[in-house]
Amino acid sequence: MAHSFAQTKQSGPIIADYGSVWKVDNLDFKVNTAKTYKAVFDISYSPNNNSQLNASIGTAARFLNMHAQNGVPLEQLKVALVVHGKAAKDLLLSEAYMAKCGVENPNEKLLNDLMSAGVEIIFCGQTFSSEGFLKEDLIKGVQLSLSAMTALIQLQDDNYRLIKF
C-alpha cells in the first residue's frame, strides 16, 4: 500500500504571508476546480495573548491558498468573515488596538490582505455597540452589520457554507 506524506507547508498564491498549507498528493476525493466555493467563517474567538495572531482569521487565508494551490481560481472563491464576541478587538486599527490592548494589532495586515483578495469582513453591530467601539477605529473596509446572527443568516441564504472552528 503506497502512502503519500506532505513534506512542506506553503503560503500563497493568494495570501503570501499567511495561510500556509500542506501539499497533499494523490487525492482520492478530487477538488472540483470548476465549482465556486462560498464560505462564511464565524469568528468569535481571539487568543488571550493580544500580541498573537488570531488563528481563526488565519483560517480564511488557508482556505484561499489551499484551493488556489489546487487549481481553483480566485474568482471562484467567495469568502466572508463574520466577527463578533471576543474577536471584536481584532478589527481595530493598530492605534486603537494599542490603546485597548497595549500592543499593535497583529491581525491588521492579515485582514487587509484578505480584503485585498476580495474577502468581506463583517462586524457584528451588537458587539460593536456593546463594546463602545468607534467606526473610525475600525480597519478600513470592515463592514458593520446589524448583528452576527443577521449576517450569518443572509450569507447562508446566499448559499455560503458556514465554517466554524
N, C-alpha and C. Protein backbone atom coordinates (compact mmCIF):
# COMPACT_ATOMS: atom_id res chain seq x y z
N MET A 1 0.85 -1.17 0.00
CA MET A 1 0.00 0.00 0.00
C MET A 1 0.90 1.24 0.00
N ALA A 2 0.71 2.11 -0.98
CA ALA A 2 1.52 3.32 -1.10
C ALA A 2 0.87 4.46 -0.33
N HIS A 3 1.69 5.20 0.39
CA HIS A 3 1.22 6.37 1.13
C HIS A 3 1.98 7.59 0.66
N SER A 4 1.33 8.74 0.68
CA SER A 4 1.99 9.98 0.33
C SER A 4 1.95 10.89 1.55
N PHE A 5 3.09 11.37 1.97
CA PHE A 5 3.16 12.26 3.11
C PHE A 5 3.64 13.63 2.65
N ALA A 6 2.97 14.67 3.10
CA ALA A 6 3.36 16.02 2.75
C ALA A 6 4.70 16.37 3.39
N GLN A 7 5.54 17.05 2.63
CA GLN A 7 6.87 17.38 3.12
C GLN A 7 7.03 18.86 3.46
N THR A 8 6.28 19.70 2.80
CA THR A 8 6.43 21.13 3.02
C THR A 8 5.08 21.80 3.19
N LYS A 9 5.11 22.93 3.84
CA LYS A 9 3.92 23.74 4.04
C LYS A 9 4.20 25.08 3.35
N GLN A 10 3.26 25.54 2.51
CA GLN A 10 3.50 26.77 1.76
C GLN A 10 2.31 27.71 1.87
N SER A 11 2.62 29.02 1.88
CA SER A 11 1.56 30.03 1.78
C SER A 11 1.47 30.46 0.32
N GLY A 12 0.53 31.36 0.05
CA GLY A 12 0.33 31.83 -1.31
C GLY A 12 -0.43 30.82 -2.14
N PRO A 13 -0.84 31.13 -3.30
CA PRO A 13 -0.51 32.31 -4.06
C PRO A 13 -1.40 33.53 -3.80
N ILE A 14 -2.46 33.37 -3.03
CA ILE A 14 -3.38 34.50 -2.83
C ILE A 14 -2.94 35.35 -1.65
N ILE A 15 -2.71 34.74 -0.51
CA ILE A 15 -2.26 35.46 0.69
C ILE A 15 -0.82 35.02 0.95
N ALA A 16 0.12 35.87 0.58
CA ALA A 16 1.54 35.48 0.56
C ALA A 16 2.14 35.24 1.95
N ASP A 17 1.78 36.05 2.92
CA ASP A 17 2.45 36.00 4.23
C ASP A 17 1.71 35.18 5.28
N TYR A 18 0.58 34.64 4.95
CA TYR A 18 -0.25 33.90 5.91
C TYR A 18 -0.89 32.71 5.20
N GLY A 19 -1.45 31.83 5.99
CA GLY A 19 -2.25 30.75 5.42
C GLY A 19 -1.45 29.63 4.79
N SER A 20 -0.37 29.23 5.45
CA SER A 20 0.41 28.10 4.94
C SER A 20 -0.38 26.81 5.04
N VAL A 21 -0.27 25.99 3.99
CA VAL A 21 -0.99 24.70 3.97
C VAL A 21 -0.07 23.62 3.44
N TRP A 22 -0.39 22.40 3.78
CA TRP A 22 0.35 21.23 3.31
C TRP A 22 -0.10 20.87 1.90
N LYS A 23 0.84 20.47 1.07
CA LYS A 23 0.51 19.92 -0.24
C LYS A 23 0.11 18.47 -0.03
N VAL A 24 -0.98 18.08 -0.61
CA VAL A 24 -1.47 16.71 -0.49
C VAL A 24 -1.56 16.11 -1.89
N ASP A 25 -0.80 15.06 -2.13
CA ASP A 25 -0.78 14.41 -3.43
C ASP A 25 -1.71 13.20 -3.45
N ASN A 26 -2.02 12.74 -4.65
CA ASN A 26 -2.79 11.50 -4.85
C ASN A 26 -4.14 11.52 -4.14
N LEU A 27 -4.88 12.60 -4.35
CA LEU A 27 -6.19 12.72 -3.72
C LEU A 27 -7.17 11.69 -4.28
N ASP A 28 -7.91 11.07 -3.40
CA ASP A 28 -8.99 10.18 -3.82
C ASP A 28 -10.27 10.98 -4.05
N PHE A 29 -10.51 11.96 -3.18
CA PHE A 29 -11.66 12.85 -3.30
C PHE A 29 -11.13 14.13 -3.94
N LYS A 30 -11.32 14.26 -5.24
CA LYS A 30 -10.72 15.33 -6.04
C LYS A 30 -11.38 16.69 -5.78
N VAL A 31 -10.57 17.75 -5.90
CA VAL A 31 -11.07 19.12 -5.79
C VAL A 31 -11.74 19.48 -7.11
N ASN A 32 -12.96 19.93 -7.03
CA ASN A 32 -13.71 20.36 -8.21
C ASN A 32 -13.27 21.78 -8.54
N THR A 33 -12.40 21.92 -9.53
CA THR A 33 -11.86 23.23 -9.88
C THR A 33 -12.82 24.08 -10.71
N ALA A 34 -13.96 23.51 -11.09
CA ALA A 34 -14.97 24.27 -11.83
C ALA A 34 -16.02 24.88 -10.90
N LYS A 35 -16.02 24.46 -9.65
CA LYS A 35 -17.02 24.89 -8.66
C LYS A 35 -16.66 26.26 -8.08
N THR A 36 -17.69 27.04 -7.74
CA THR A 36 -17.49 28.25 -6.95
C THR A 36 -17.72 27.87 -5.49
N TYR A 37 -16.71 28.14 -4.68
CA TYR A 37 -16.75 27.83 -3.24
C TYR A 37 -17.12 29.09 -2.48
N LYS A 38 -18.22 29.03 -1.74
CA LYS A 38 -18.69 30.17 -0.95
C LYS A 38 -18.65 29.76 0.52
N ALA A 39 -17.77 30.42 1.28
CA ALA A 39 -17.58 30.05 2.68
C ALA A 39 -17.73 31.28 3.57
N VAL A 40 -18.45 31.11 4.67
CA VAL A 40 -18.52 32.16 5.69
C VAL A 40 -17.93 31.58 6.97
N PHE A 41 -16.96 32.30 7.51
CA PHE A 41 -16.29 31.91 8.74
C PHE A 41 -16.90 32.69 9.90
N ASP A 42 -17.38 31.96 10.90
CA ASP A 42 -17.94 32.56 12.11
C ASP A 42 -16.79 32.71 13.10
N ILE A 43 -16.36 33.96 13.32
CA ILE A 43 -15.18 34.25 14.13
C ILE A 43 -15.60 34.95 15.43
N SER A 44 -15.54 34.22 16.52
CA SER A 44 -15.85 34.82 17.82
C SER A 44 -14.70 34.65 18.81
N TYR A 45 -13.74 33.81 18.48
CA TYR A 45 -12.62 33.53 19.37
C TYR A 45 -11.45 34.48 19.08
N SER A 46 -10.70 34.82 20.09
CA SER A 46 -9.45 35.55 19.95
C SER A 46 -8.52 35.07 21.06
N PRO A 47 -7.23 34.93 20.77
CA PRO A 47 -6.32 34.45 21.80
C PRO A 47 -6.22 35.43 22.97
N ASN A 48 -5.93 34.91 24.14
CA ASN A 48 -5.75 35.75 25.34
C ASN A 48 -4.52 36.64 25.21
N ASN A 49 -3.50 36.18 24.50
CA ASN A 49 -2.29 36.96 24.27
C ASN A 49 -2.57 37.95 23.14
N ASN A 50 -2.67 39.23 23.48
CA ASN A 50 -3.02 40.25 22.49
C ASN A 50 -1.98 40.45 21.41
N SER A 51 -0.78 39.91 21.59
CA SER A 51 0.29 40.00 20.59
C SER A 51 0.20 38.89 19.57
N GLN A 52 -0.68 37.94 19.81
CA GLN A 52 -0.76 36.74 18.98
C GLN A 52 -1.79 36.91 17.87
N LEU A 53 -1.43 36.45 16.67
CA LEU A 53 -2.35 36.45 15.53
C LEU A 53 -3.56 35.58 15.85
N ASN A 54 -4.72 36.00 15.42
CA ASN A 54 -5.93 35.21 15.61
C ASN A 54 -5.96 34.10 14.54
N ALA A 55 -5.72 32.88 14.98
CA ALA A 55 -5.66 31.74 14.05
C ALA A 55 -6.99 31.52 13.34
N SER A 56 -8.10 31.92 13.96
CA SER A 56 -9.40 31.77 13.31
C SER A 56 -9.49 32.64 12.06
N ILE A 57 -8.91 33.83 12.12
CA ILE A 57 -8.86 34.70 10.94
C ILE A 57 -7.91 34.10 9.91
N GLY A 58 -6.80 33.54 10.38
CA GLY A 58 -5.84 32.91 9.50
C GLY A 58 -6.41 31.74 8.73
N THR A 59 -7.46 31.12 9.26
CA THR A 59 -8.09 30.00 8.57
C THR A 59 -8.64 30.43 7.21
N ALA A 60 -9.11 31.66 7.11
CA ALA A 60 -9.62 32.15 5.82
C ALA A 60 -8.48 32.22 4.80
N ALA A 61 -7.29 32.63 5.23
CA ALA A 61 -6.13 32.66 4.34
C ALA A 61 -5.76 31.24 3.91
N ARG A 62 -5.82 30.29 4.84
CA ARG A 62 -5.54 28.90 4.50
C ARG A 62 -6.54 28.39 3.46
N PHE A 63 -7.82 28.70 3.65
CA PHE A 63 -8.87 28.29 2.72
C PHE A 63 -8.56 28.79 1.31
N LEU A 64 -8.23 30.09 1.20
CA LEU A 64 -7.93 30.67 -0.11
C LEU A 64 -6.70 30.03 -0.73
N ASN A 65 -5.62 29.94 0.04
CA ASN A 65 -4.36 29.43 -0.51
C ASN A 65 -4.46 27.96 -0.90
N MET A 66 -5.09 27.13 -0.06
CA MET A 66 -5.12 25.70 -0.38
C MET A 66 -5.93 25.43 -1.64
N HIS A 67 -7.02 26.17 -1.83
CA HIS A 67 -7.81 25.95 -3.03
C HIS A 67 -7.10 26.50 -4.27
N ALA A 68 -6.46 27.66 -4.14
CA ALA A 68 -5.72 28.22 -5.27
C ALA A 68 -4.54 27.31 -5.65
N GLN A 69 -3.85 26.77 -4.65
CA GLN A 69 -2.74 25.86 -4.93
C GLN A 69 -3.20 24.59 -5.65
N ASN A 70 -4.49 24.31 -5.54
CA ASN A 70 -5.03 23.11 -6.17
C ASN A 70 -5.93 23.41 -7.37
N GLY A 71 -5.70 24.60 -7.98
CA GLY A 71 -6.32 24.89 -9.27
C GLY A 71 -7.64 25.63 -9.26
N VAL A 72 -8.13 26.07 -8.11
CA VAL A 72 -9.38 26.83 -8.08
C VAL A 72 -9.03 28.32 -8.23
N PRO A 73 -9.53 28.98 -9.27
CA PRO A 73 -9.22 30.40 -9.48
C PRO A 73 -9.84 31.28 -8.38
N LEU A 74 -9.17 32.39 -8.08
CA LEU A 74 -9.64 33.31 -7.05
C LEU A 74 -11.08 33.75 -7.30
N GLU A 75 -11.46 33.97 -8.55
CA GLU A 75 -12.83 34.44 -8.81
C GLU A 75 -13.88 33.40 -8.44
N GLN A 76 -13.48 32.17 -8.19
CA GLN A 76 -14.42 31.11 -7.76
C GLN A 76 -14.34 30.87 -6.25
N LEU A 77 -13.64 31.75 -5.53
CA LEU A 77 -13.53 31.64 -4.07
C LEU A 77 -14.18 32.86 -3.44
N LYS A 78 -15.36 32.67 -2.88
CA LYS A 78 -16.12 33.76 -2.25
C LYS A 78 -16.07 33.52 -0.74
N VAL A 79 -15.45 34.45 -0.02
CA VAL A 79 -15.22 34.25 1.40
C VAL A 79 -15.68 35.48 2.18
N ALA A 80 -16.32 35.21 3.32
CA ALA A 80 -16.72 36.26 4.25
C ALA A 80 -16.36 35.82 5.66
N LEU A 81 -15.97 36.78 6.48
CA LEU A 81 -15.75 36.55 7.90
C LEU A 81 -16.80 37.36 8.64
N VAL A 82 -17.51 36.71 9.54
CA VAL A 82 -18.45 37.41 10.42
C VAL A 82 -17.81 37.39 11.80
N VAL A 83 -17.48 38.59 12.28
CA VAL A 83 -16.69 38.73 13.51
C VAL A 83 -17.56 39.30 14.62
N HIS A 84 -17.46 38.66 15.79
CA HIS A 84 -18.23 39.12 16.96
C HIS A 84 -17.56 38.61 18.23
N GLY A 85 -18.13 38.96 19.36
CA GLY A 85 -17.63 38.47 20.64
C GLY A 85 -16.21 38.90 20.93
N LYS A 86 -15.44 37.99 21.48
CA LYS A 86 -14.06 38.27 21.91
C LYS A 86 -13.16 38.71 20.75
N ALA A 87 -13.48 38.31 19.52
CA ALA A 87 -12.66 38.66 18.36
C ALA A 87 -12.87 40.10 17.89
N ALA A 88 -13.80 40.82 18.48
CA ALA A 88 -14.10 42.18 18.04
C ALA A 88 -12.87 43.07 18.03
N LYS A 89 -12.04 42.97 19.04
CA LYS A 89 -10.86 43.84 19.14
C LYS A 89 -9.91 43.64 17.97
N ASP A 90 -9.95 42.48 17.33
CA ASP A 90 -9.04 42.17 16.24
C ASP A 90 -9.33 42.99 14.99
N LEU A 91 -10.45 43.69 14.96
CA LEU A 91 -10.81 44.53 13.82
C LEU A 91 -10.40 45.98 13.99
N LEU A 92 -9.74 46.29 15.11
CA LEU A 92 -9.33 47.67 15.38
C LEU A 92 -8.03 48.03 14.66
N LEU A 93 -7.96 49.28 14.21
CA LEU A 93 -6.69 49.81 13.71
C LEU A 93 -5.66 49.70 14.82
N SER A 94 -4.39 49.61 14.44
CA SER A 94 -3.33 49.41 15.44
C SER A 94 -3.32 50.48 16.53
N GLU A 95 -3.59 51.74 16.19
CA GLU A 95 -3.63 52.80 17.21
C GLU A 95 -4.68 52.51 18.26
N ALA A 96 -5.88 52.17 17.83
CA ALA A 96 -6.97 51.88 18.77
C ALA A 96 -6.69 50.58 19.52
N TYR A 97 -6.11 49.61 18.84
CA TYR A 97 -5.76 48.32 19.47
C TYR A 97 -4.70 48.56 20.54
N MET A 98 -3.74 49.43 20.25
CA MET A 98 -2.69 49.76 21.21
C MET A 98 -3.30 50.39 22.47
N ALA A 99 -4.25 51.29 22.27
CA ALA A 99 -4.89 51.94 23.41
C ALA A 99 -5.67 50.94 24.26
N LYS A 100 -6.28 49.95 23.61
CA LYS A 100 -7.10 48.96 24.31
C LYS A 100 -6.27 47.80 24.86
N CYS A 101 -5.25 47.37 24.11
CA CYS A 101 -4.55 46.12 24.43
C CYS A 101 -3.07 46.29 24.77
N GLY A 102 -2.51 47.48 24.53
CA GLY A 102 -1.12 47.73 24.87
C GLY A 102 -0.10 47.31 23.83
N VAL A 103 -0.54 46.79 22.70
CA VAL A 103 0.35 46.38 21.60
C VAL A 103 -0.33 46.71 20.27
N GLU A 104 0.46 46.70 19.18
CA GLU A 104 -0.14 46.89 17.86
C GLU A 104 -0.96 45.67 17.48
N ASN A 105 -1.94 45.87 16.64
CA ASN A 105 -2.82 44.77 16.23
C ASN A 105 -2.07 43.81 15.30
N PRO A 106 -1.83 42.58 15.76
CA PRO A 106 -1.11 41.61 14.92
C PRO A 106 -1.95 41.11 13.74
N ASN A 107 -3.24 41.42 13.74
CA ASN A 107 -4.16 40.93 12.71
C ASN A 107 -4.39 41.93 11.57
N GLU A 108 -3.93 43.16 11.75
CA GLU A 108 -4.26 44.23 10.79
C GLU A 108 -3.78 43.90 9.37
N LYS A 109 -2.53 43.50 9.21
CA LYS A 109 -2.01 43.20 7.86
C LYS A 109 -2.76 42.02 7.25
N LEU A 110 -2.99 40.97 8.02
CA LEU A 110 -3.73 39.81 7.52
C LEU A 110 -5.12 40.23 7.05
N LEU A 111 -5.83 41.02 7.85
CA LEU A 111 -7.17 41.46 7.46
C LEU A 111 -7.12 42.30 6.19
N ASN A 112 -6.14 43.19 6.08
CA ASN A 112 -6.00 43.99 4.85
C ASN A 112 -5.69 43.12 3.65
N ASP A 113 -4.82 42.12 3.83
CA ASP A 113 -4.51 41.19 2.74
C ASP A 113 -5.75 40.41 2.31
N LEU A 114 -6.54 39.96 3.28
CA LEU A 114 -7.78 39.23 2.96
C LEU A 114 -8.74 40.12 2.18
N MET A 115 -8.93 41.36 2.64
CA MET A 115 -9.85 42.26 1.94
C MET A 115 -9.34 42.58 0.53
N SER A 116 -8.02 42.69 0.37
CA SER A 116 -7.45 42.92 -0.96
C SER A 116 -7.73 41.76 -1.91
N ALA A 117 -7.92 40.57 -1.34
CA ALA A 117 -8.24 39.38 -2.13
C ALA A 117 -9.75 39.21 -2.33
N GLY A 118 -10.54 40.19 -1.86
CA GLY A 118 -11.98 40.15 -2.06
C GLY A 118 -12.79 39.57 -0.90
N VAL A 119 -12.13 39.27 0.20
CA VAL A 119 -12.85 38.73 1.36
C VAL A 119 -13.63 39.85 2.04
N GLU A 120 -14.88 39.56 2.37
CA GLU A 120 -15.71 40.51 3.11
C GLU A 120 -15.49 40.28 4.60
N ILE A 121 -15.21 41.37 5.33
CA ILE A 121 -15.07 41.31 6.79
C ILE A 121 -16.29 42.03 7.35
N ILE A 122 -17.14 41.28 8.03
CA ILE A 122 -18.41 41.80 8.52
C ILE A 122 -18.40 41.77 10.05
N PHE A 123 -18.66 42.91 10.66
CA PHE A 123 -18.58 43.07 12.11
C PHE A 123 -19.98 43.18 12.71
N CYS A 124 -20.22 42.42 13.73
CA CYS A 124 -21.50 42.41 14.45
C CYS A 124 -21.76 43.77 15.08
N GLY A 125 -22.84 44.41 14.69
CA GLY A 125 -23.21 45.70 15.24
C GLY A 125 -23.57 45.64 16.72
N GLN A 126 -24.05 44.50 17.17
CA GLN A 126 -24.39 44.36 18.59
C GLN A 126 -23.11 44.35 19.44
N THR A 127 -22.10 43.63 18.99
CA THR A 127 -20.82 43.63 19.69
C THR A 127 -20.19 45.02 19.62
N PHE A 128 -20.22 45.62 18.44
CA PHE A 128 -19.68 46.95 18.22
C PHE A 128 -20.28 47.94 19.23
N SER A 129 -21.59 47.91 19.36
CA SER A 129 -22.27 48.85 20.26
C SER A 129 -22.01 48.52 21.73
N SER A 130 -22.07 47.24 22.08
CA SER A 130 -21.89 46.87 23.49
C SER A 130 -20.48 47.14 23.98
N GLU A 131 -19.50 47.08 23.08
CA GLU A 131 -18.10 47.34 23.45
C GLU A 131 -17.74 48.83 23.35
N GLY A 132 -18.65 49.63 22.79
CA GLY A 132 -18.40 51.07 22.69
C GLY A 132 -17.34 51.45 21.66
N PHE A 133 -17.20 50.66 20.60
CA PHE A 133 -16.22 50.96 19.55
C PHE A 133 -16.68 52.16 18.74
N LEU A 134 -15.72 52.83 18.11
CA LEU A 134 -15.99 53.92 17.18
C LEU A 134 -15.68 53.42 15.78
N LYS A 135 -16.52 53.79 14.82
CA LYS A 135 -16.34 53.31 13.46
C LYS A 135 -14.98 53.74 12.89
N GLU A 136 -14.52 54.93 13.25
CA GLU A 136 -13.22 55.40 12.74
C GLU A 136 -12.03 54.61 13.31
N ASP A 137 -12.26 53.80 14.34
CA ASP A 137 -11.21 52.97 14.92
C ASP A 137 -11.11 51.60 14.23
N LEU A 138 -12.06 51.31 13.34
CA LEU A 138 -12.05 50.02 12.64
C LEU A 138 -11.13 50.07 11.42
N ILE A 139 -10.54 48.94 11.11
CA ILE A 139 -9.72 48.81 9.91
C ILE A 139 -10.59 49.16 8.69
N LYS A 140 -10.06 49.98 7.81
CA LYS A 140 -10.82 50.43 6.64
C LYS A 140 -11.26 49.21 5.81
N GLY A 141 -12.53 49.20 5.47
CA GLY A 141 -13.09 48.11 4.67
C GLY A 141 -13.96 47.16 5.48
N VAL A 142 -13.84 47.21 6.82
CA VAL A 142 -14.69 46.38 7.67
C VAL A 142 -16.12 46.91 7.56
N GLN A 143 -17.06 45.98 7.35
CA GLN A 143 -18.47 46.34 7.18
C GLN A 143 -19.23 46.09 8.48
N LEU A 144 -19.97 47.07 8.93
CA LEU A 144 -20.77 46.94 10.14
C LEU A 144 -22.15 46.39 9.77
N SER A 145 -22.57 45.34 10.47
CA SER A 145 -23.89 44.74 10.22
C SER A 145 -24.77 44.92 11.45
N LEU A 146 -26.05 44.66 11.31
CA LEU A 146 -26.96 44.73 12.45
C LEU A 146 -26.51 43.78 13.54
N SER A 147 -26.19 42.55 13.15
CA SER A 147 -25.74 41.55 14.12
C SER A 147 -25.01 40.45 13.38
N ALA A 148 -24.24 39.66 14.12
CA ALA A 148 -23.60 38.48 13.53
C ALA A 148 -24.67 37.50 13.07
N MET A 149 -25.72 37.35 13.87
CA MET A 149 -26.78 36.41 13.51
C MET A 149 -27.41 36.77 12.17
N THR A 150 -27.69 38.06 11.99
CA THR A 150 -28.29 38.53 10.74
C THR A 150 -27.36 38.26 9.55
N ALA A 151 -26.09 38.62 9.71
CA ALA A 151 -25.12 38.42 8.62
C ALA A 151 -24.98 36.94 8.28
N LEU A 152 -24.90 36.08 9.30
CA LEU A 152 -24.76 34.64 9.06
C LEU A 152 -25.96 34.08 8.32
N ILE A 153 -27.16 34.50 8.70
CA ILE A 153 -28.37 34.02 8.02
C ILE A 153 -28.40 34.50 6.57
N GLN A 154 -28.12 35.79 6.35
CA GLN A 154 -28.15 36.33 4.99
C GLN A 154 -27.13 35.63 4.10
N LEU A 155 -25.93 35.44 4.59
CA LEU A 155 -24.90 34.78 3.78
C LEU A 155 -25.27 33.33 3.50
N GLN A 156 -25.80 32.64 4.49
CA GLN A 156 -26.20 31.25 4.25
C GLN A 156 -27.38 31.18 3.28
N ASP A 157 -28.27 32.16 3.34
CA ASP A 157 -29.35 32.22 2.35
C ASP A 157 -28.81 32.45 0.94
N ASP A 158 -27.62 33.06 0.84
CA ASP A 158 -26.95 33.28 -0.44
C ASP A 158 -26.00 32.13 -0.79
N ASN A 159 -26.24 30.98 -0.17
CA ASN A 159 -25.51 29.73 -0.43
C ASN A 159 -24.06 29.71 0.05
N TYR A 160 -23.71 30.57 1.01
CA TYR A 160 -22.42 30.45 1.67
C TYR A 160 -22.53 29.30 2.67
N ARG A 161 -21.47 28.53 2.80
CA ARG A 161 -21.43 27.42 3.75
C ARG A 161 -20.72 27.87 5.00
N LEU A 162 -21.34 27.61 6.15
CA LEU A 162 -20.81 28.04 7.44
C LEU A 162 -19.62 27.18 7.84
N ILE A 163 -18.52 27.86 8.20
CA ILE A 163 -17.34 27.16 8.72
C ILE A 163 -17.05 27.75 10.09
N LYS A 164 -17.09 26.90 11.08
CA LYS A 164 -16.84 27.29 12.48
C LYS A 164 -15.84 26.34 13.08
N PHE A 165 -14.71 26.87 13.51
CA PHE A 165 -13.68 26.06 14.14
C PHE A 165 -13.65 26.32 15.62
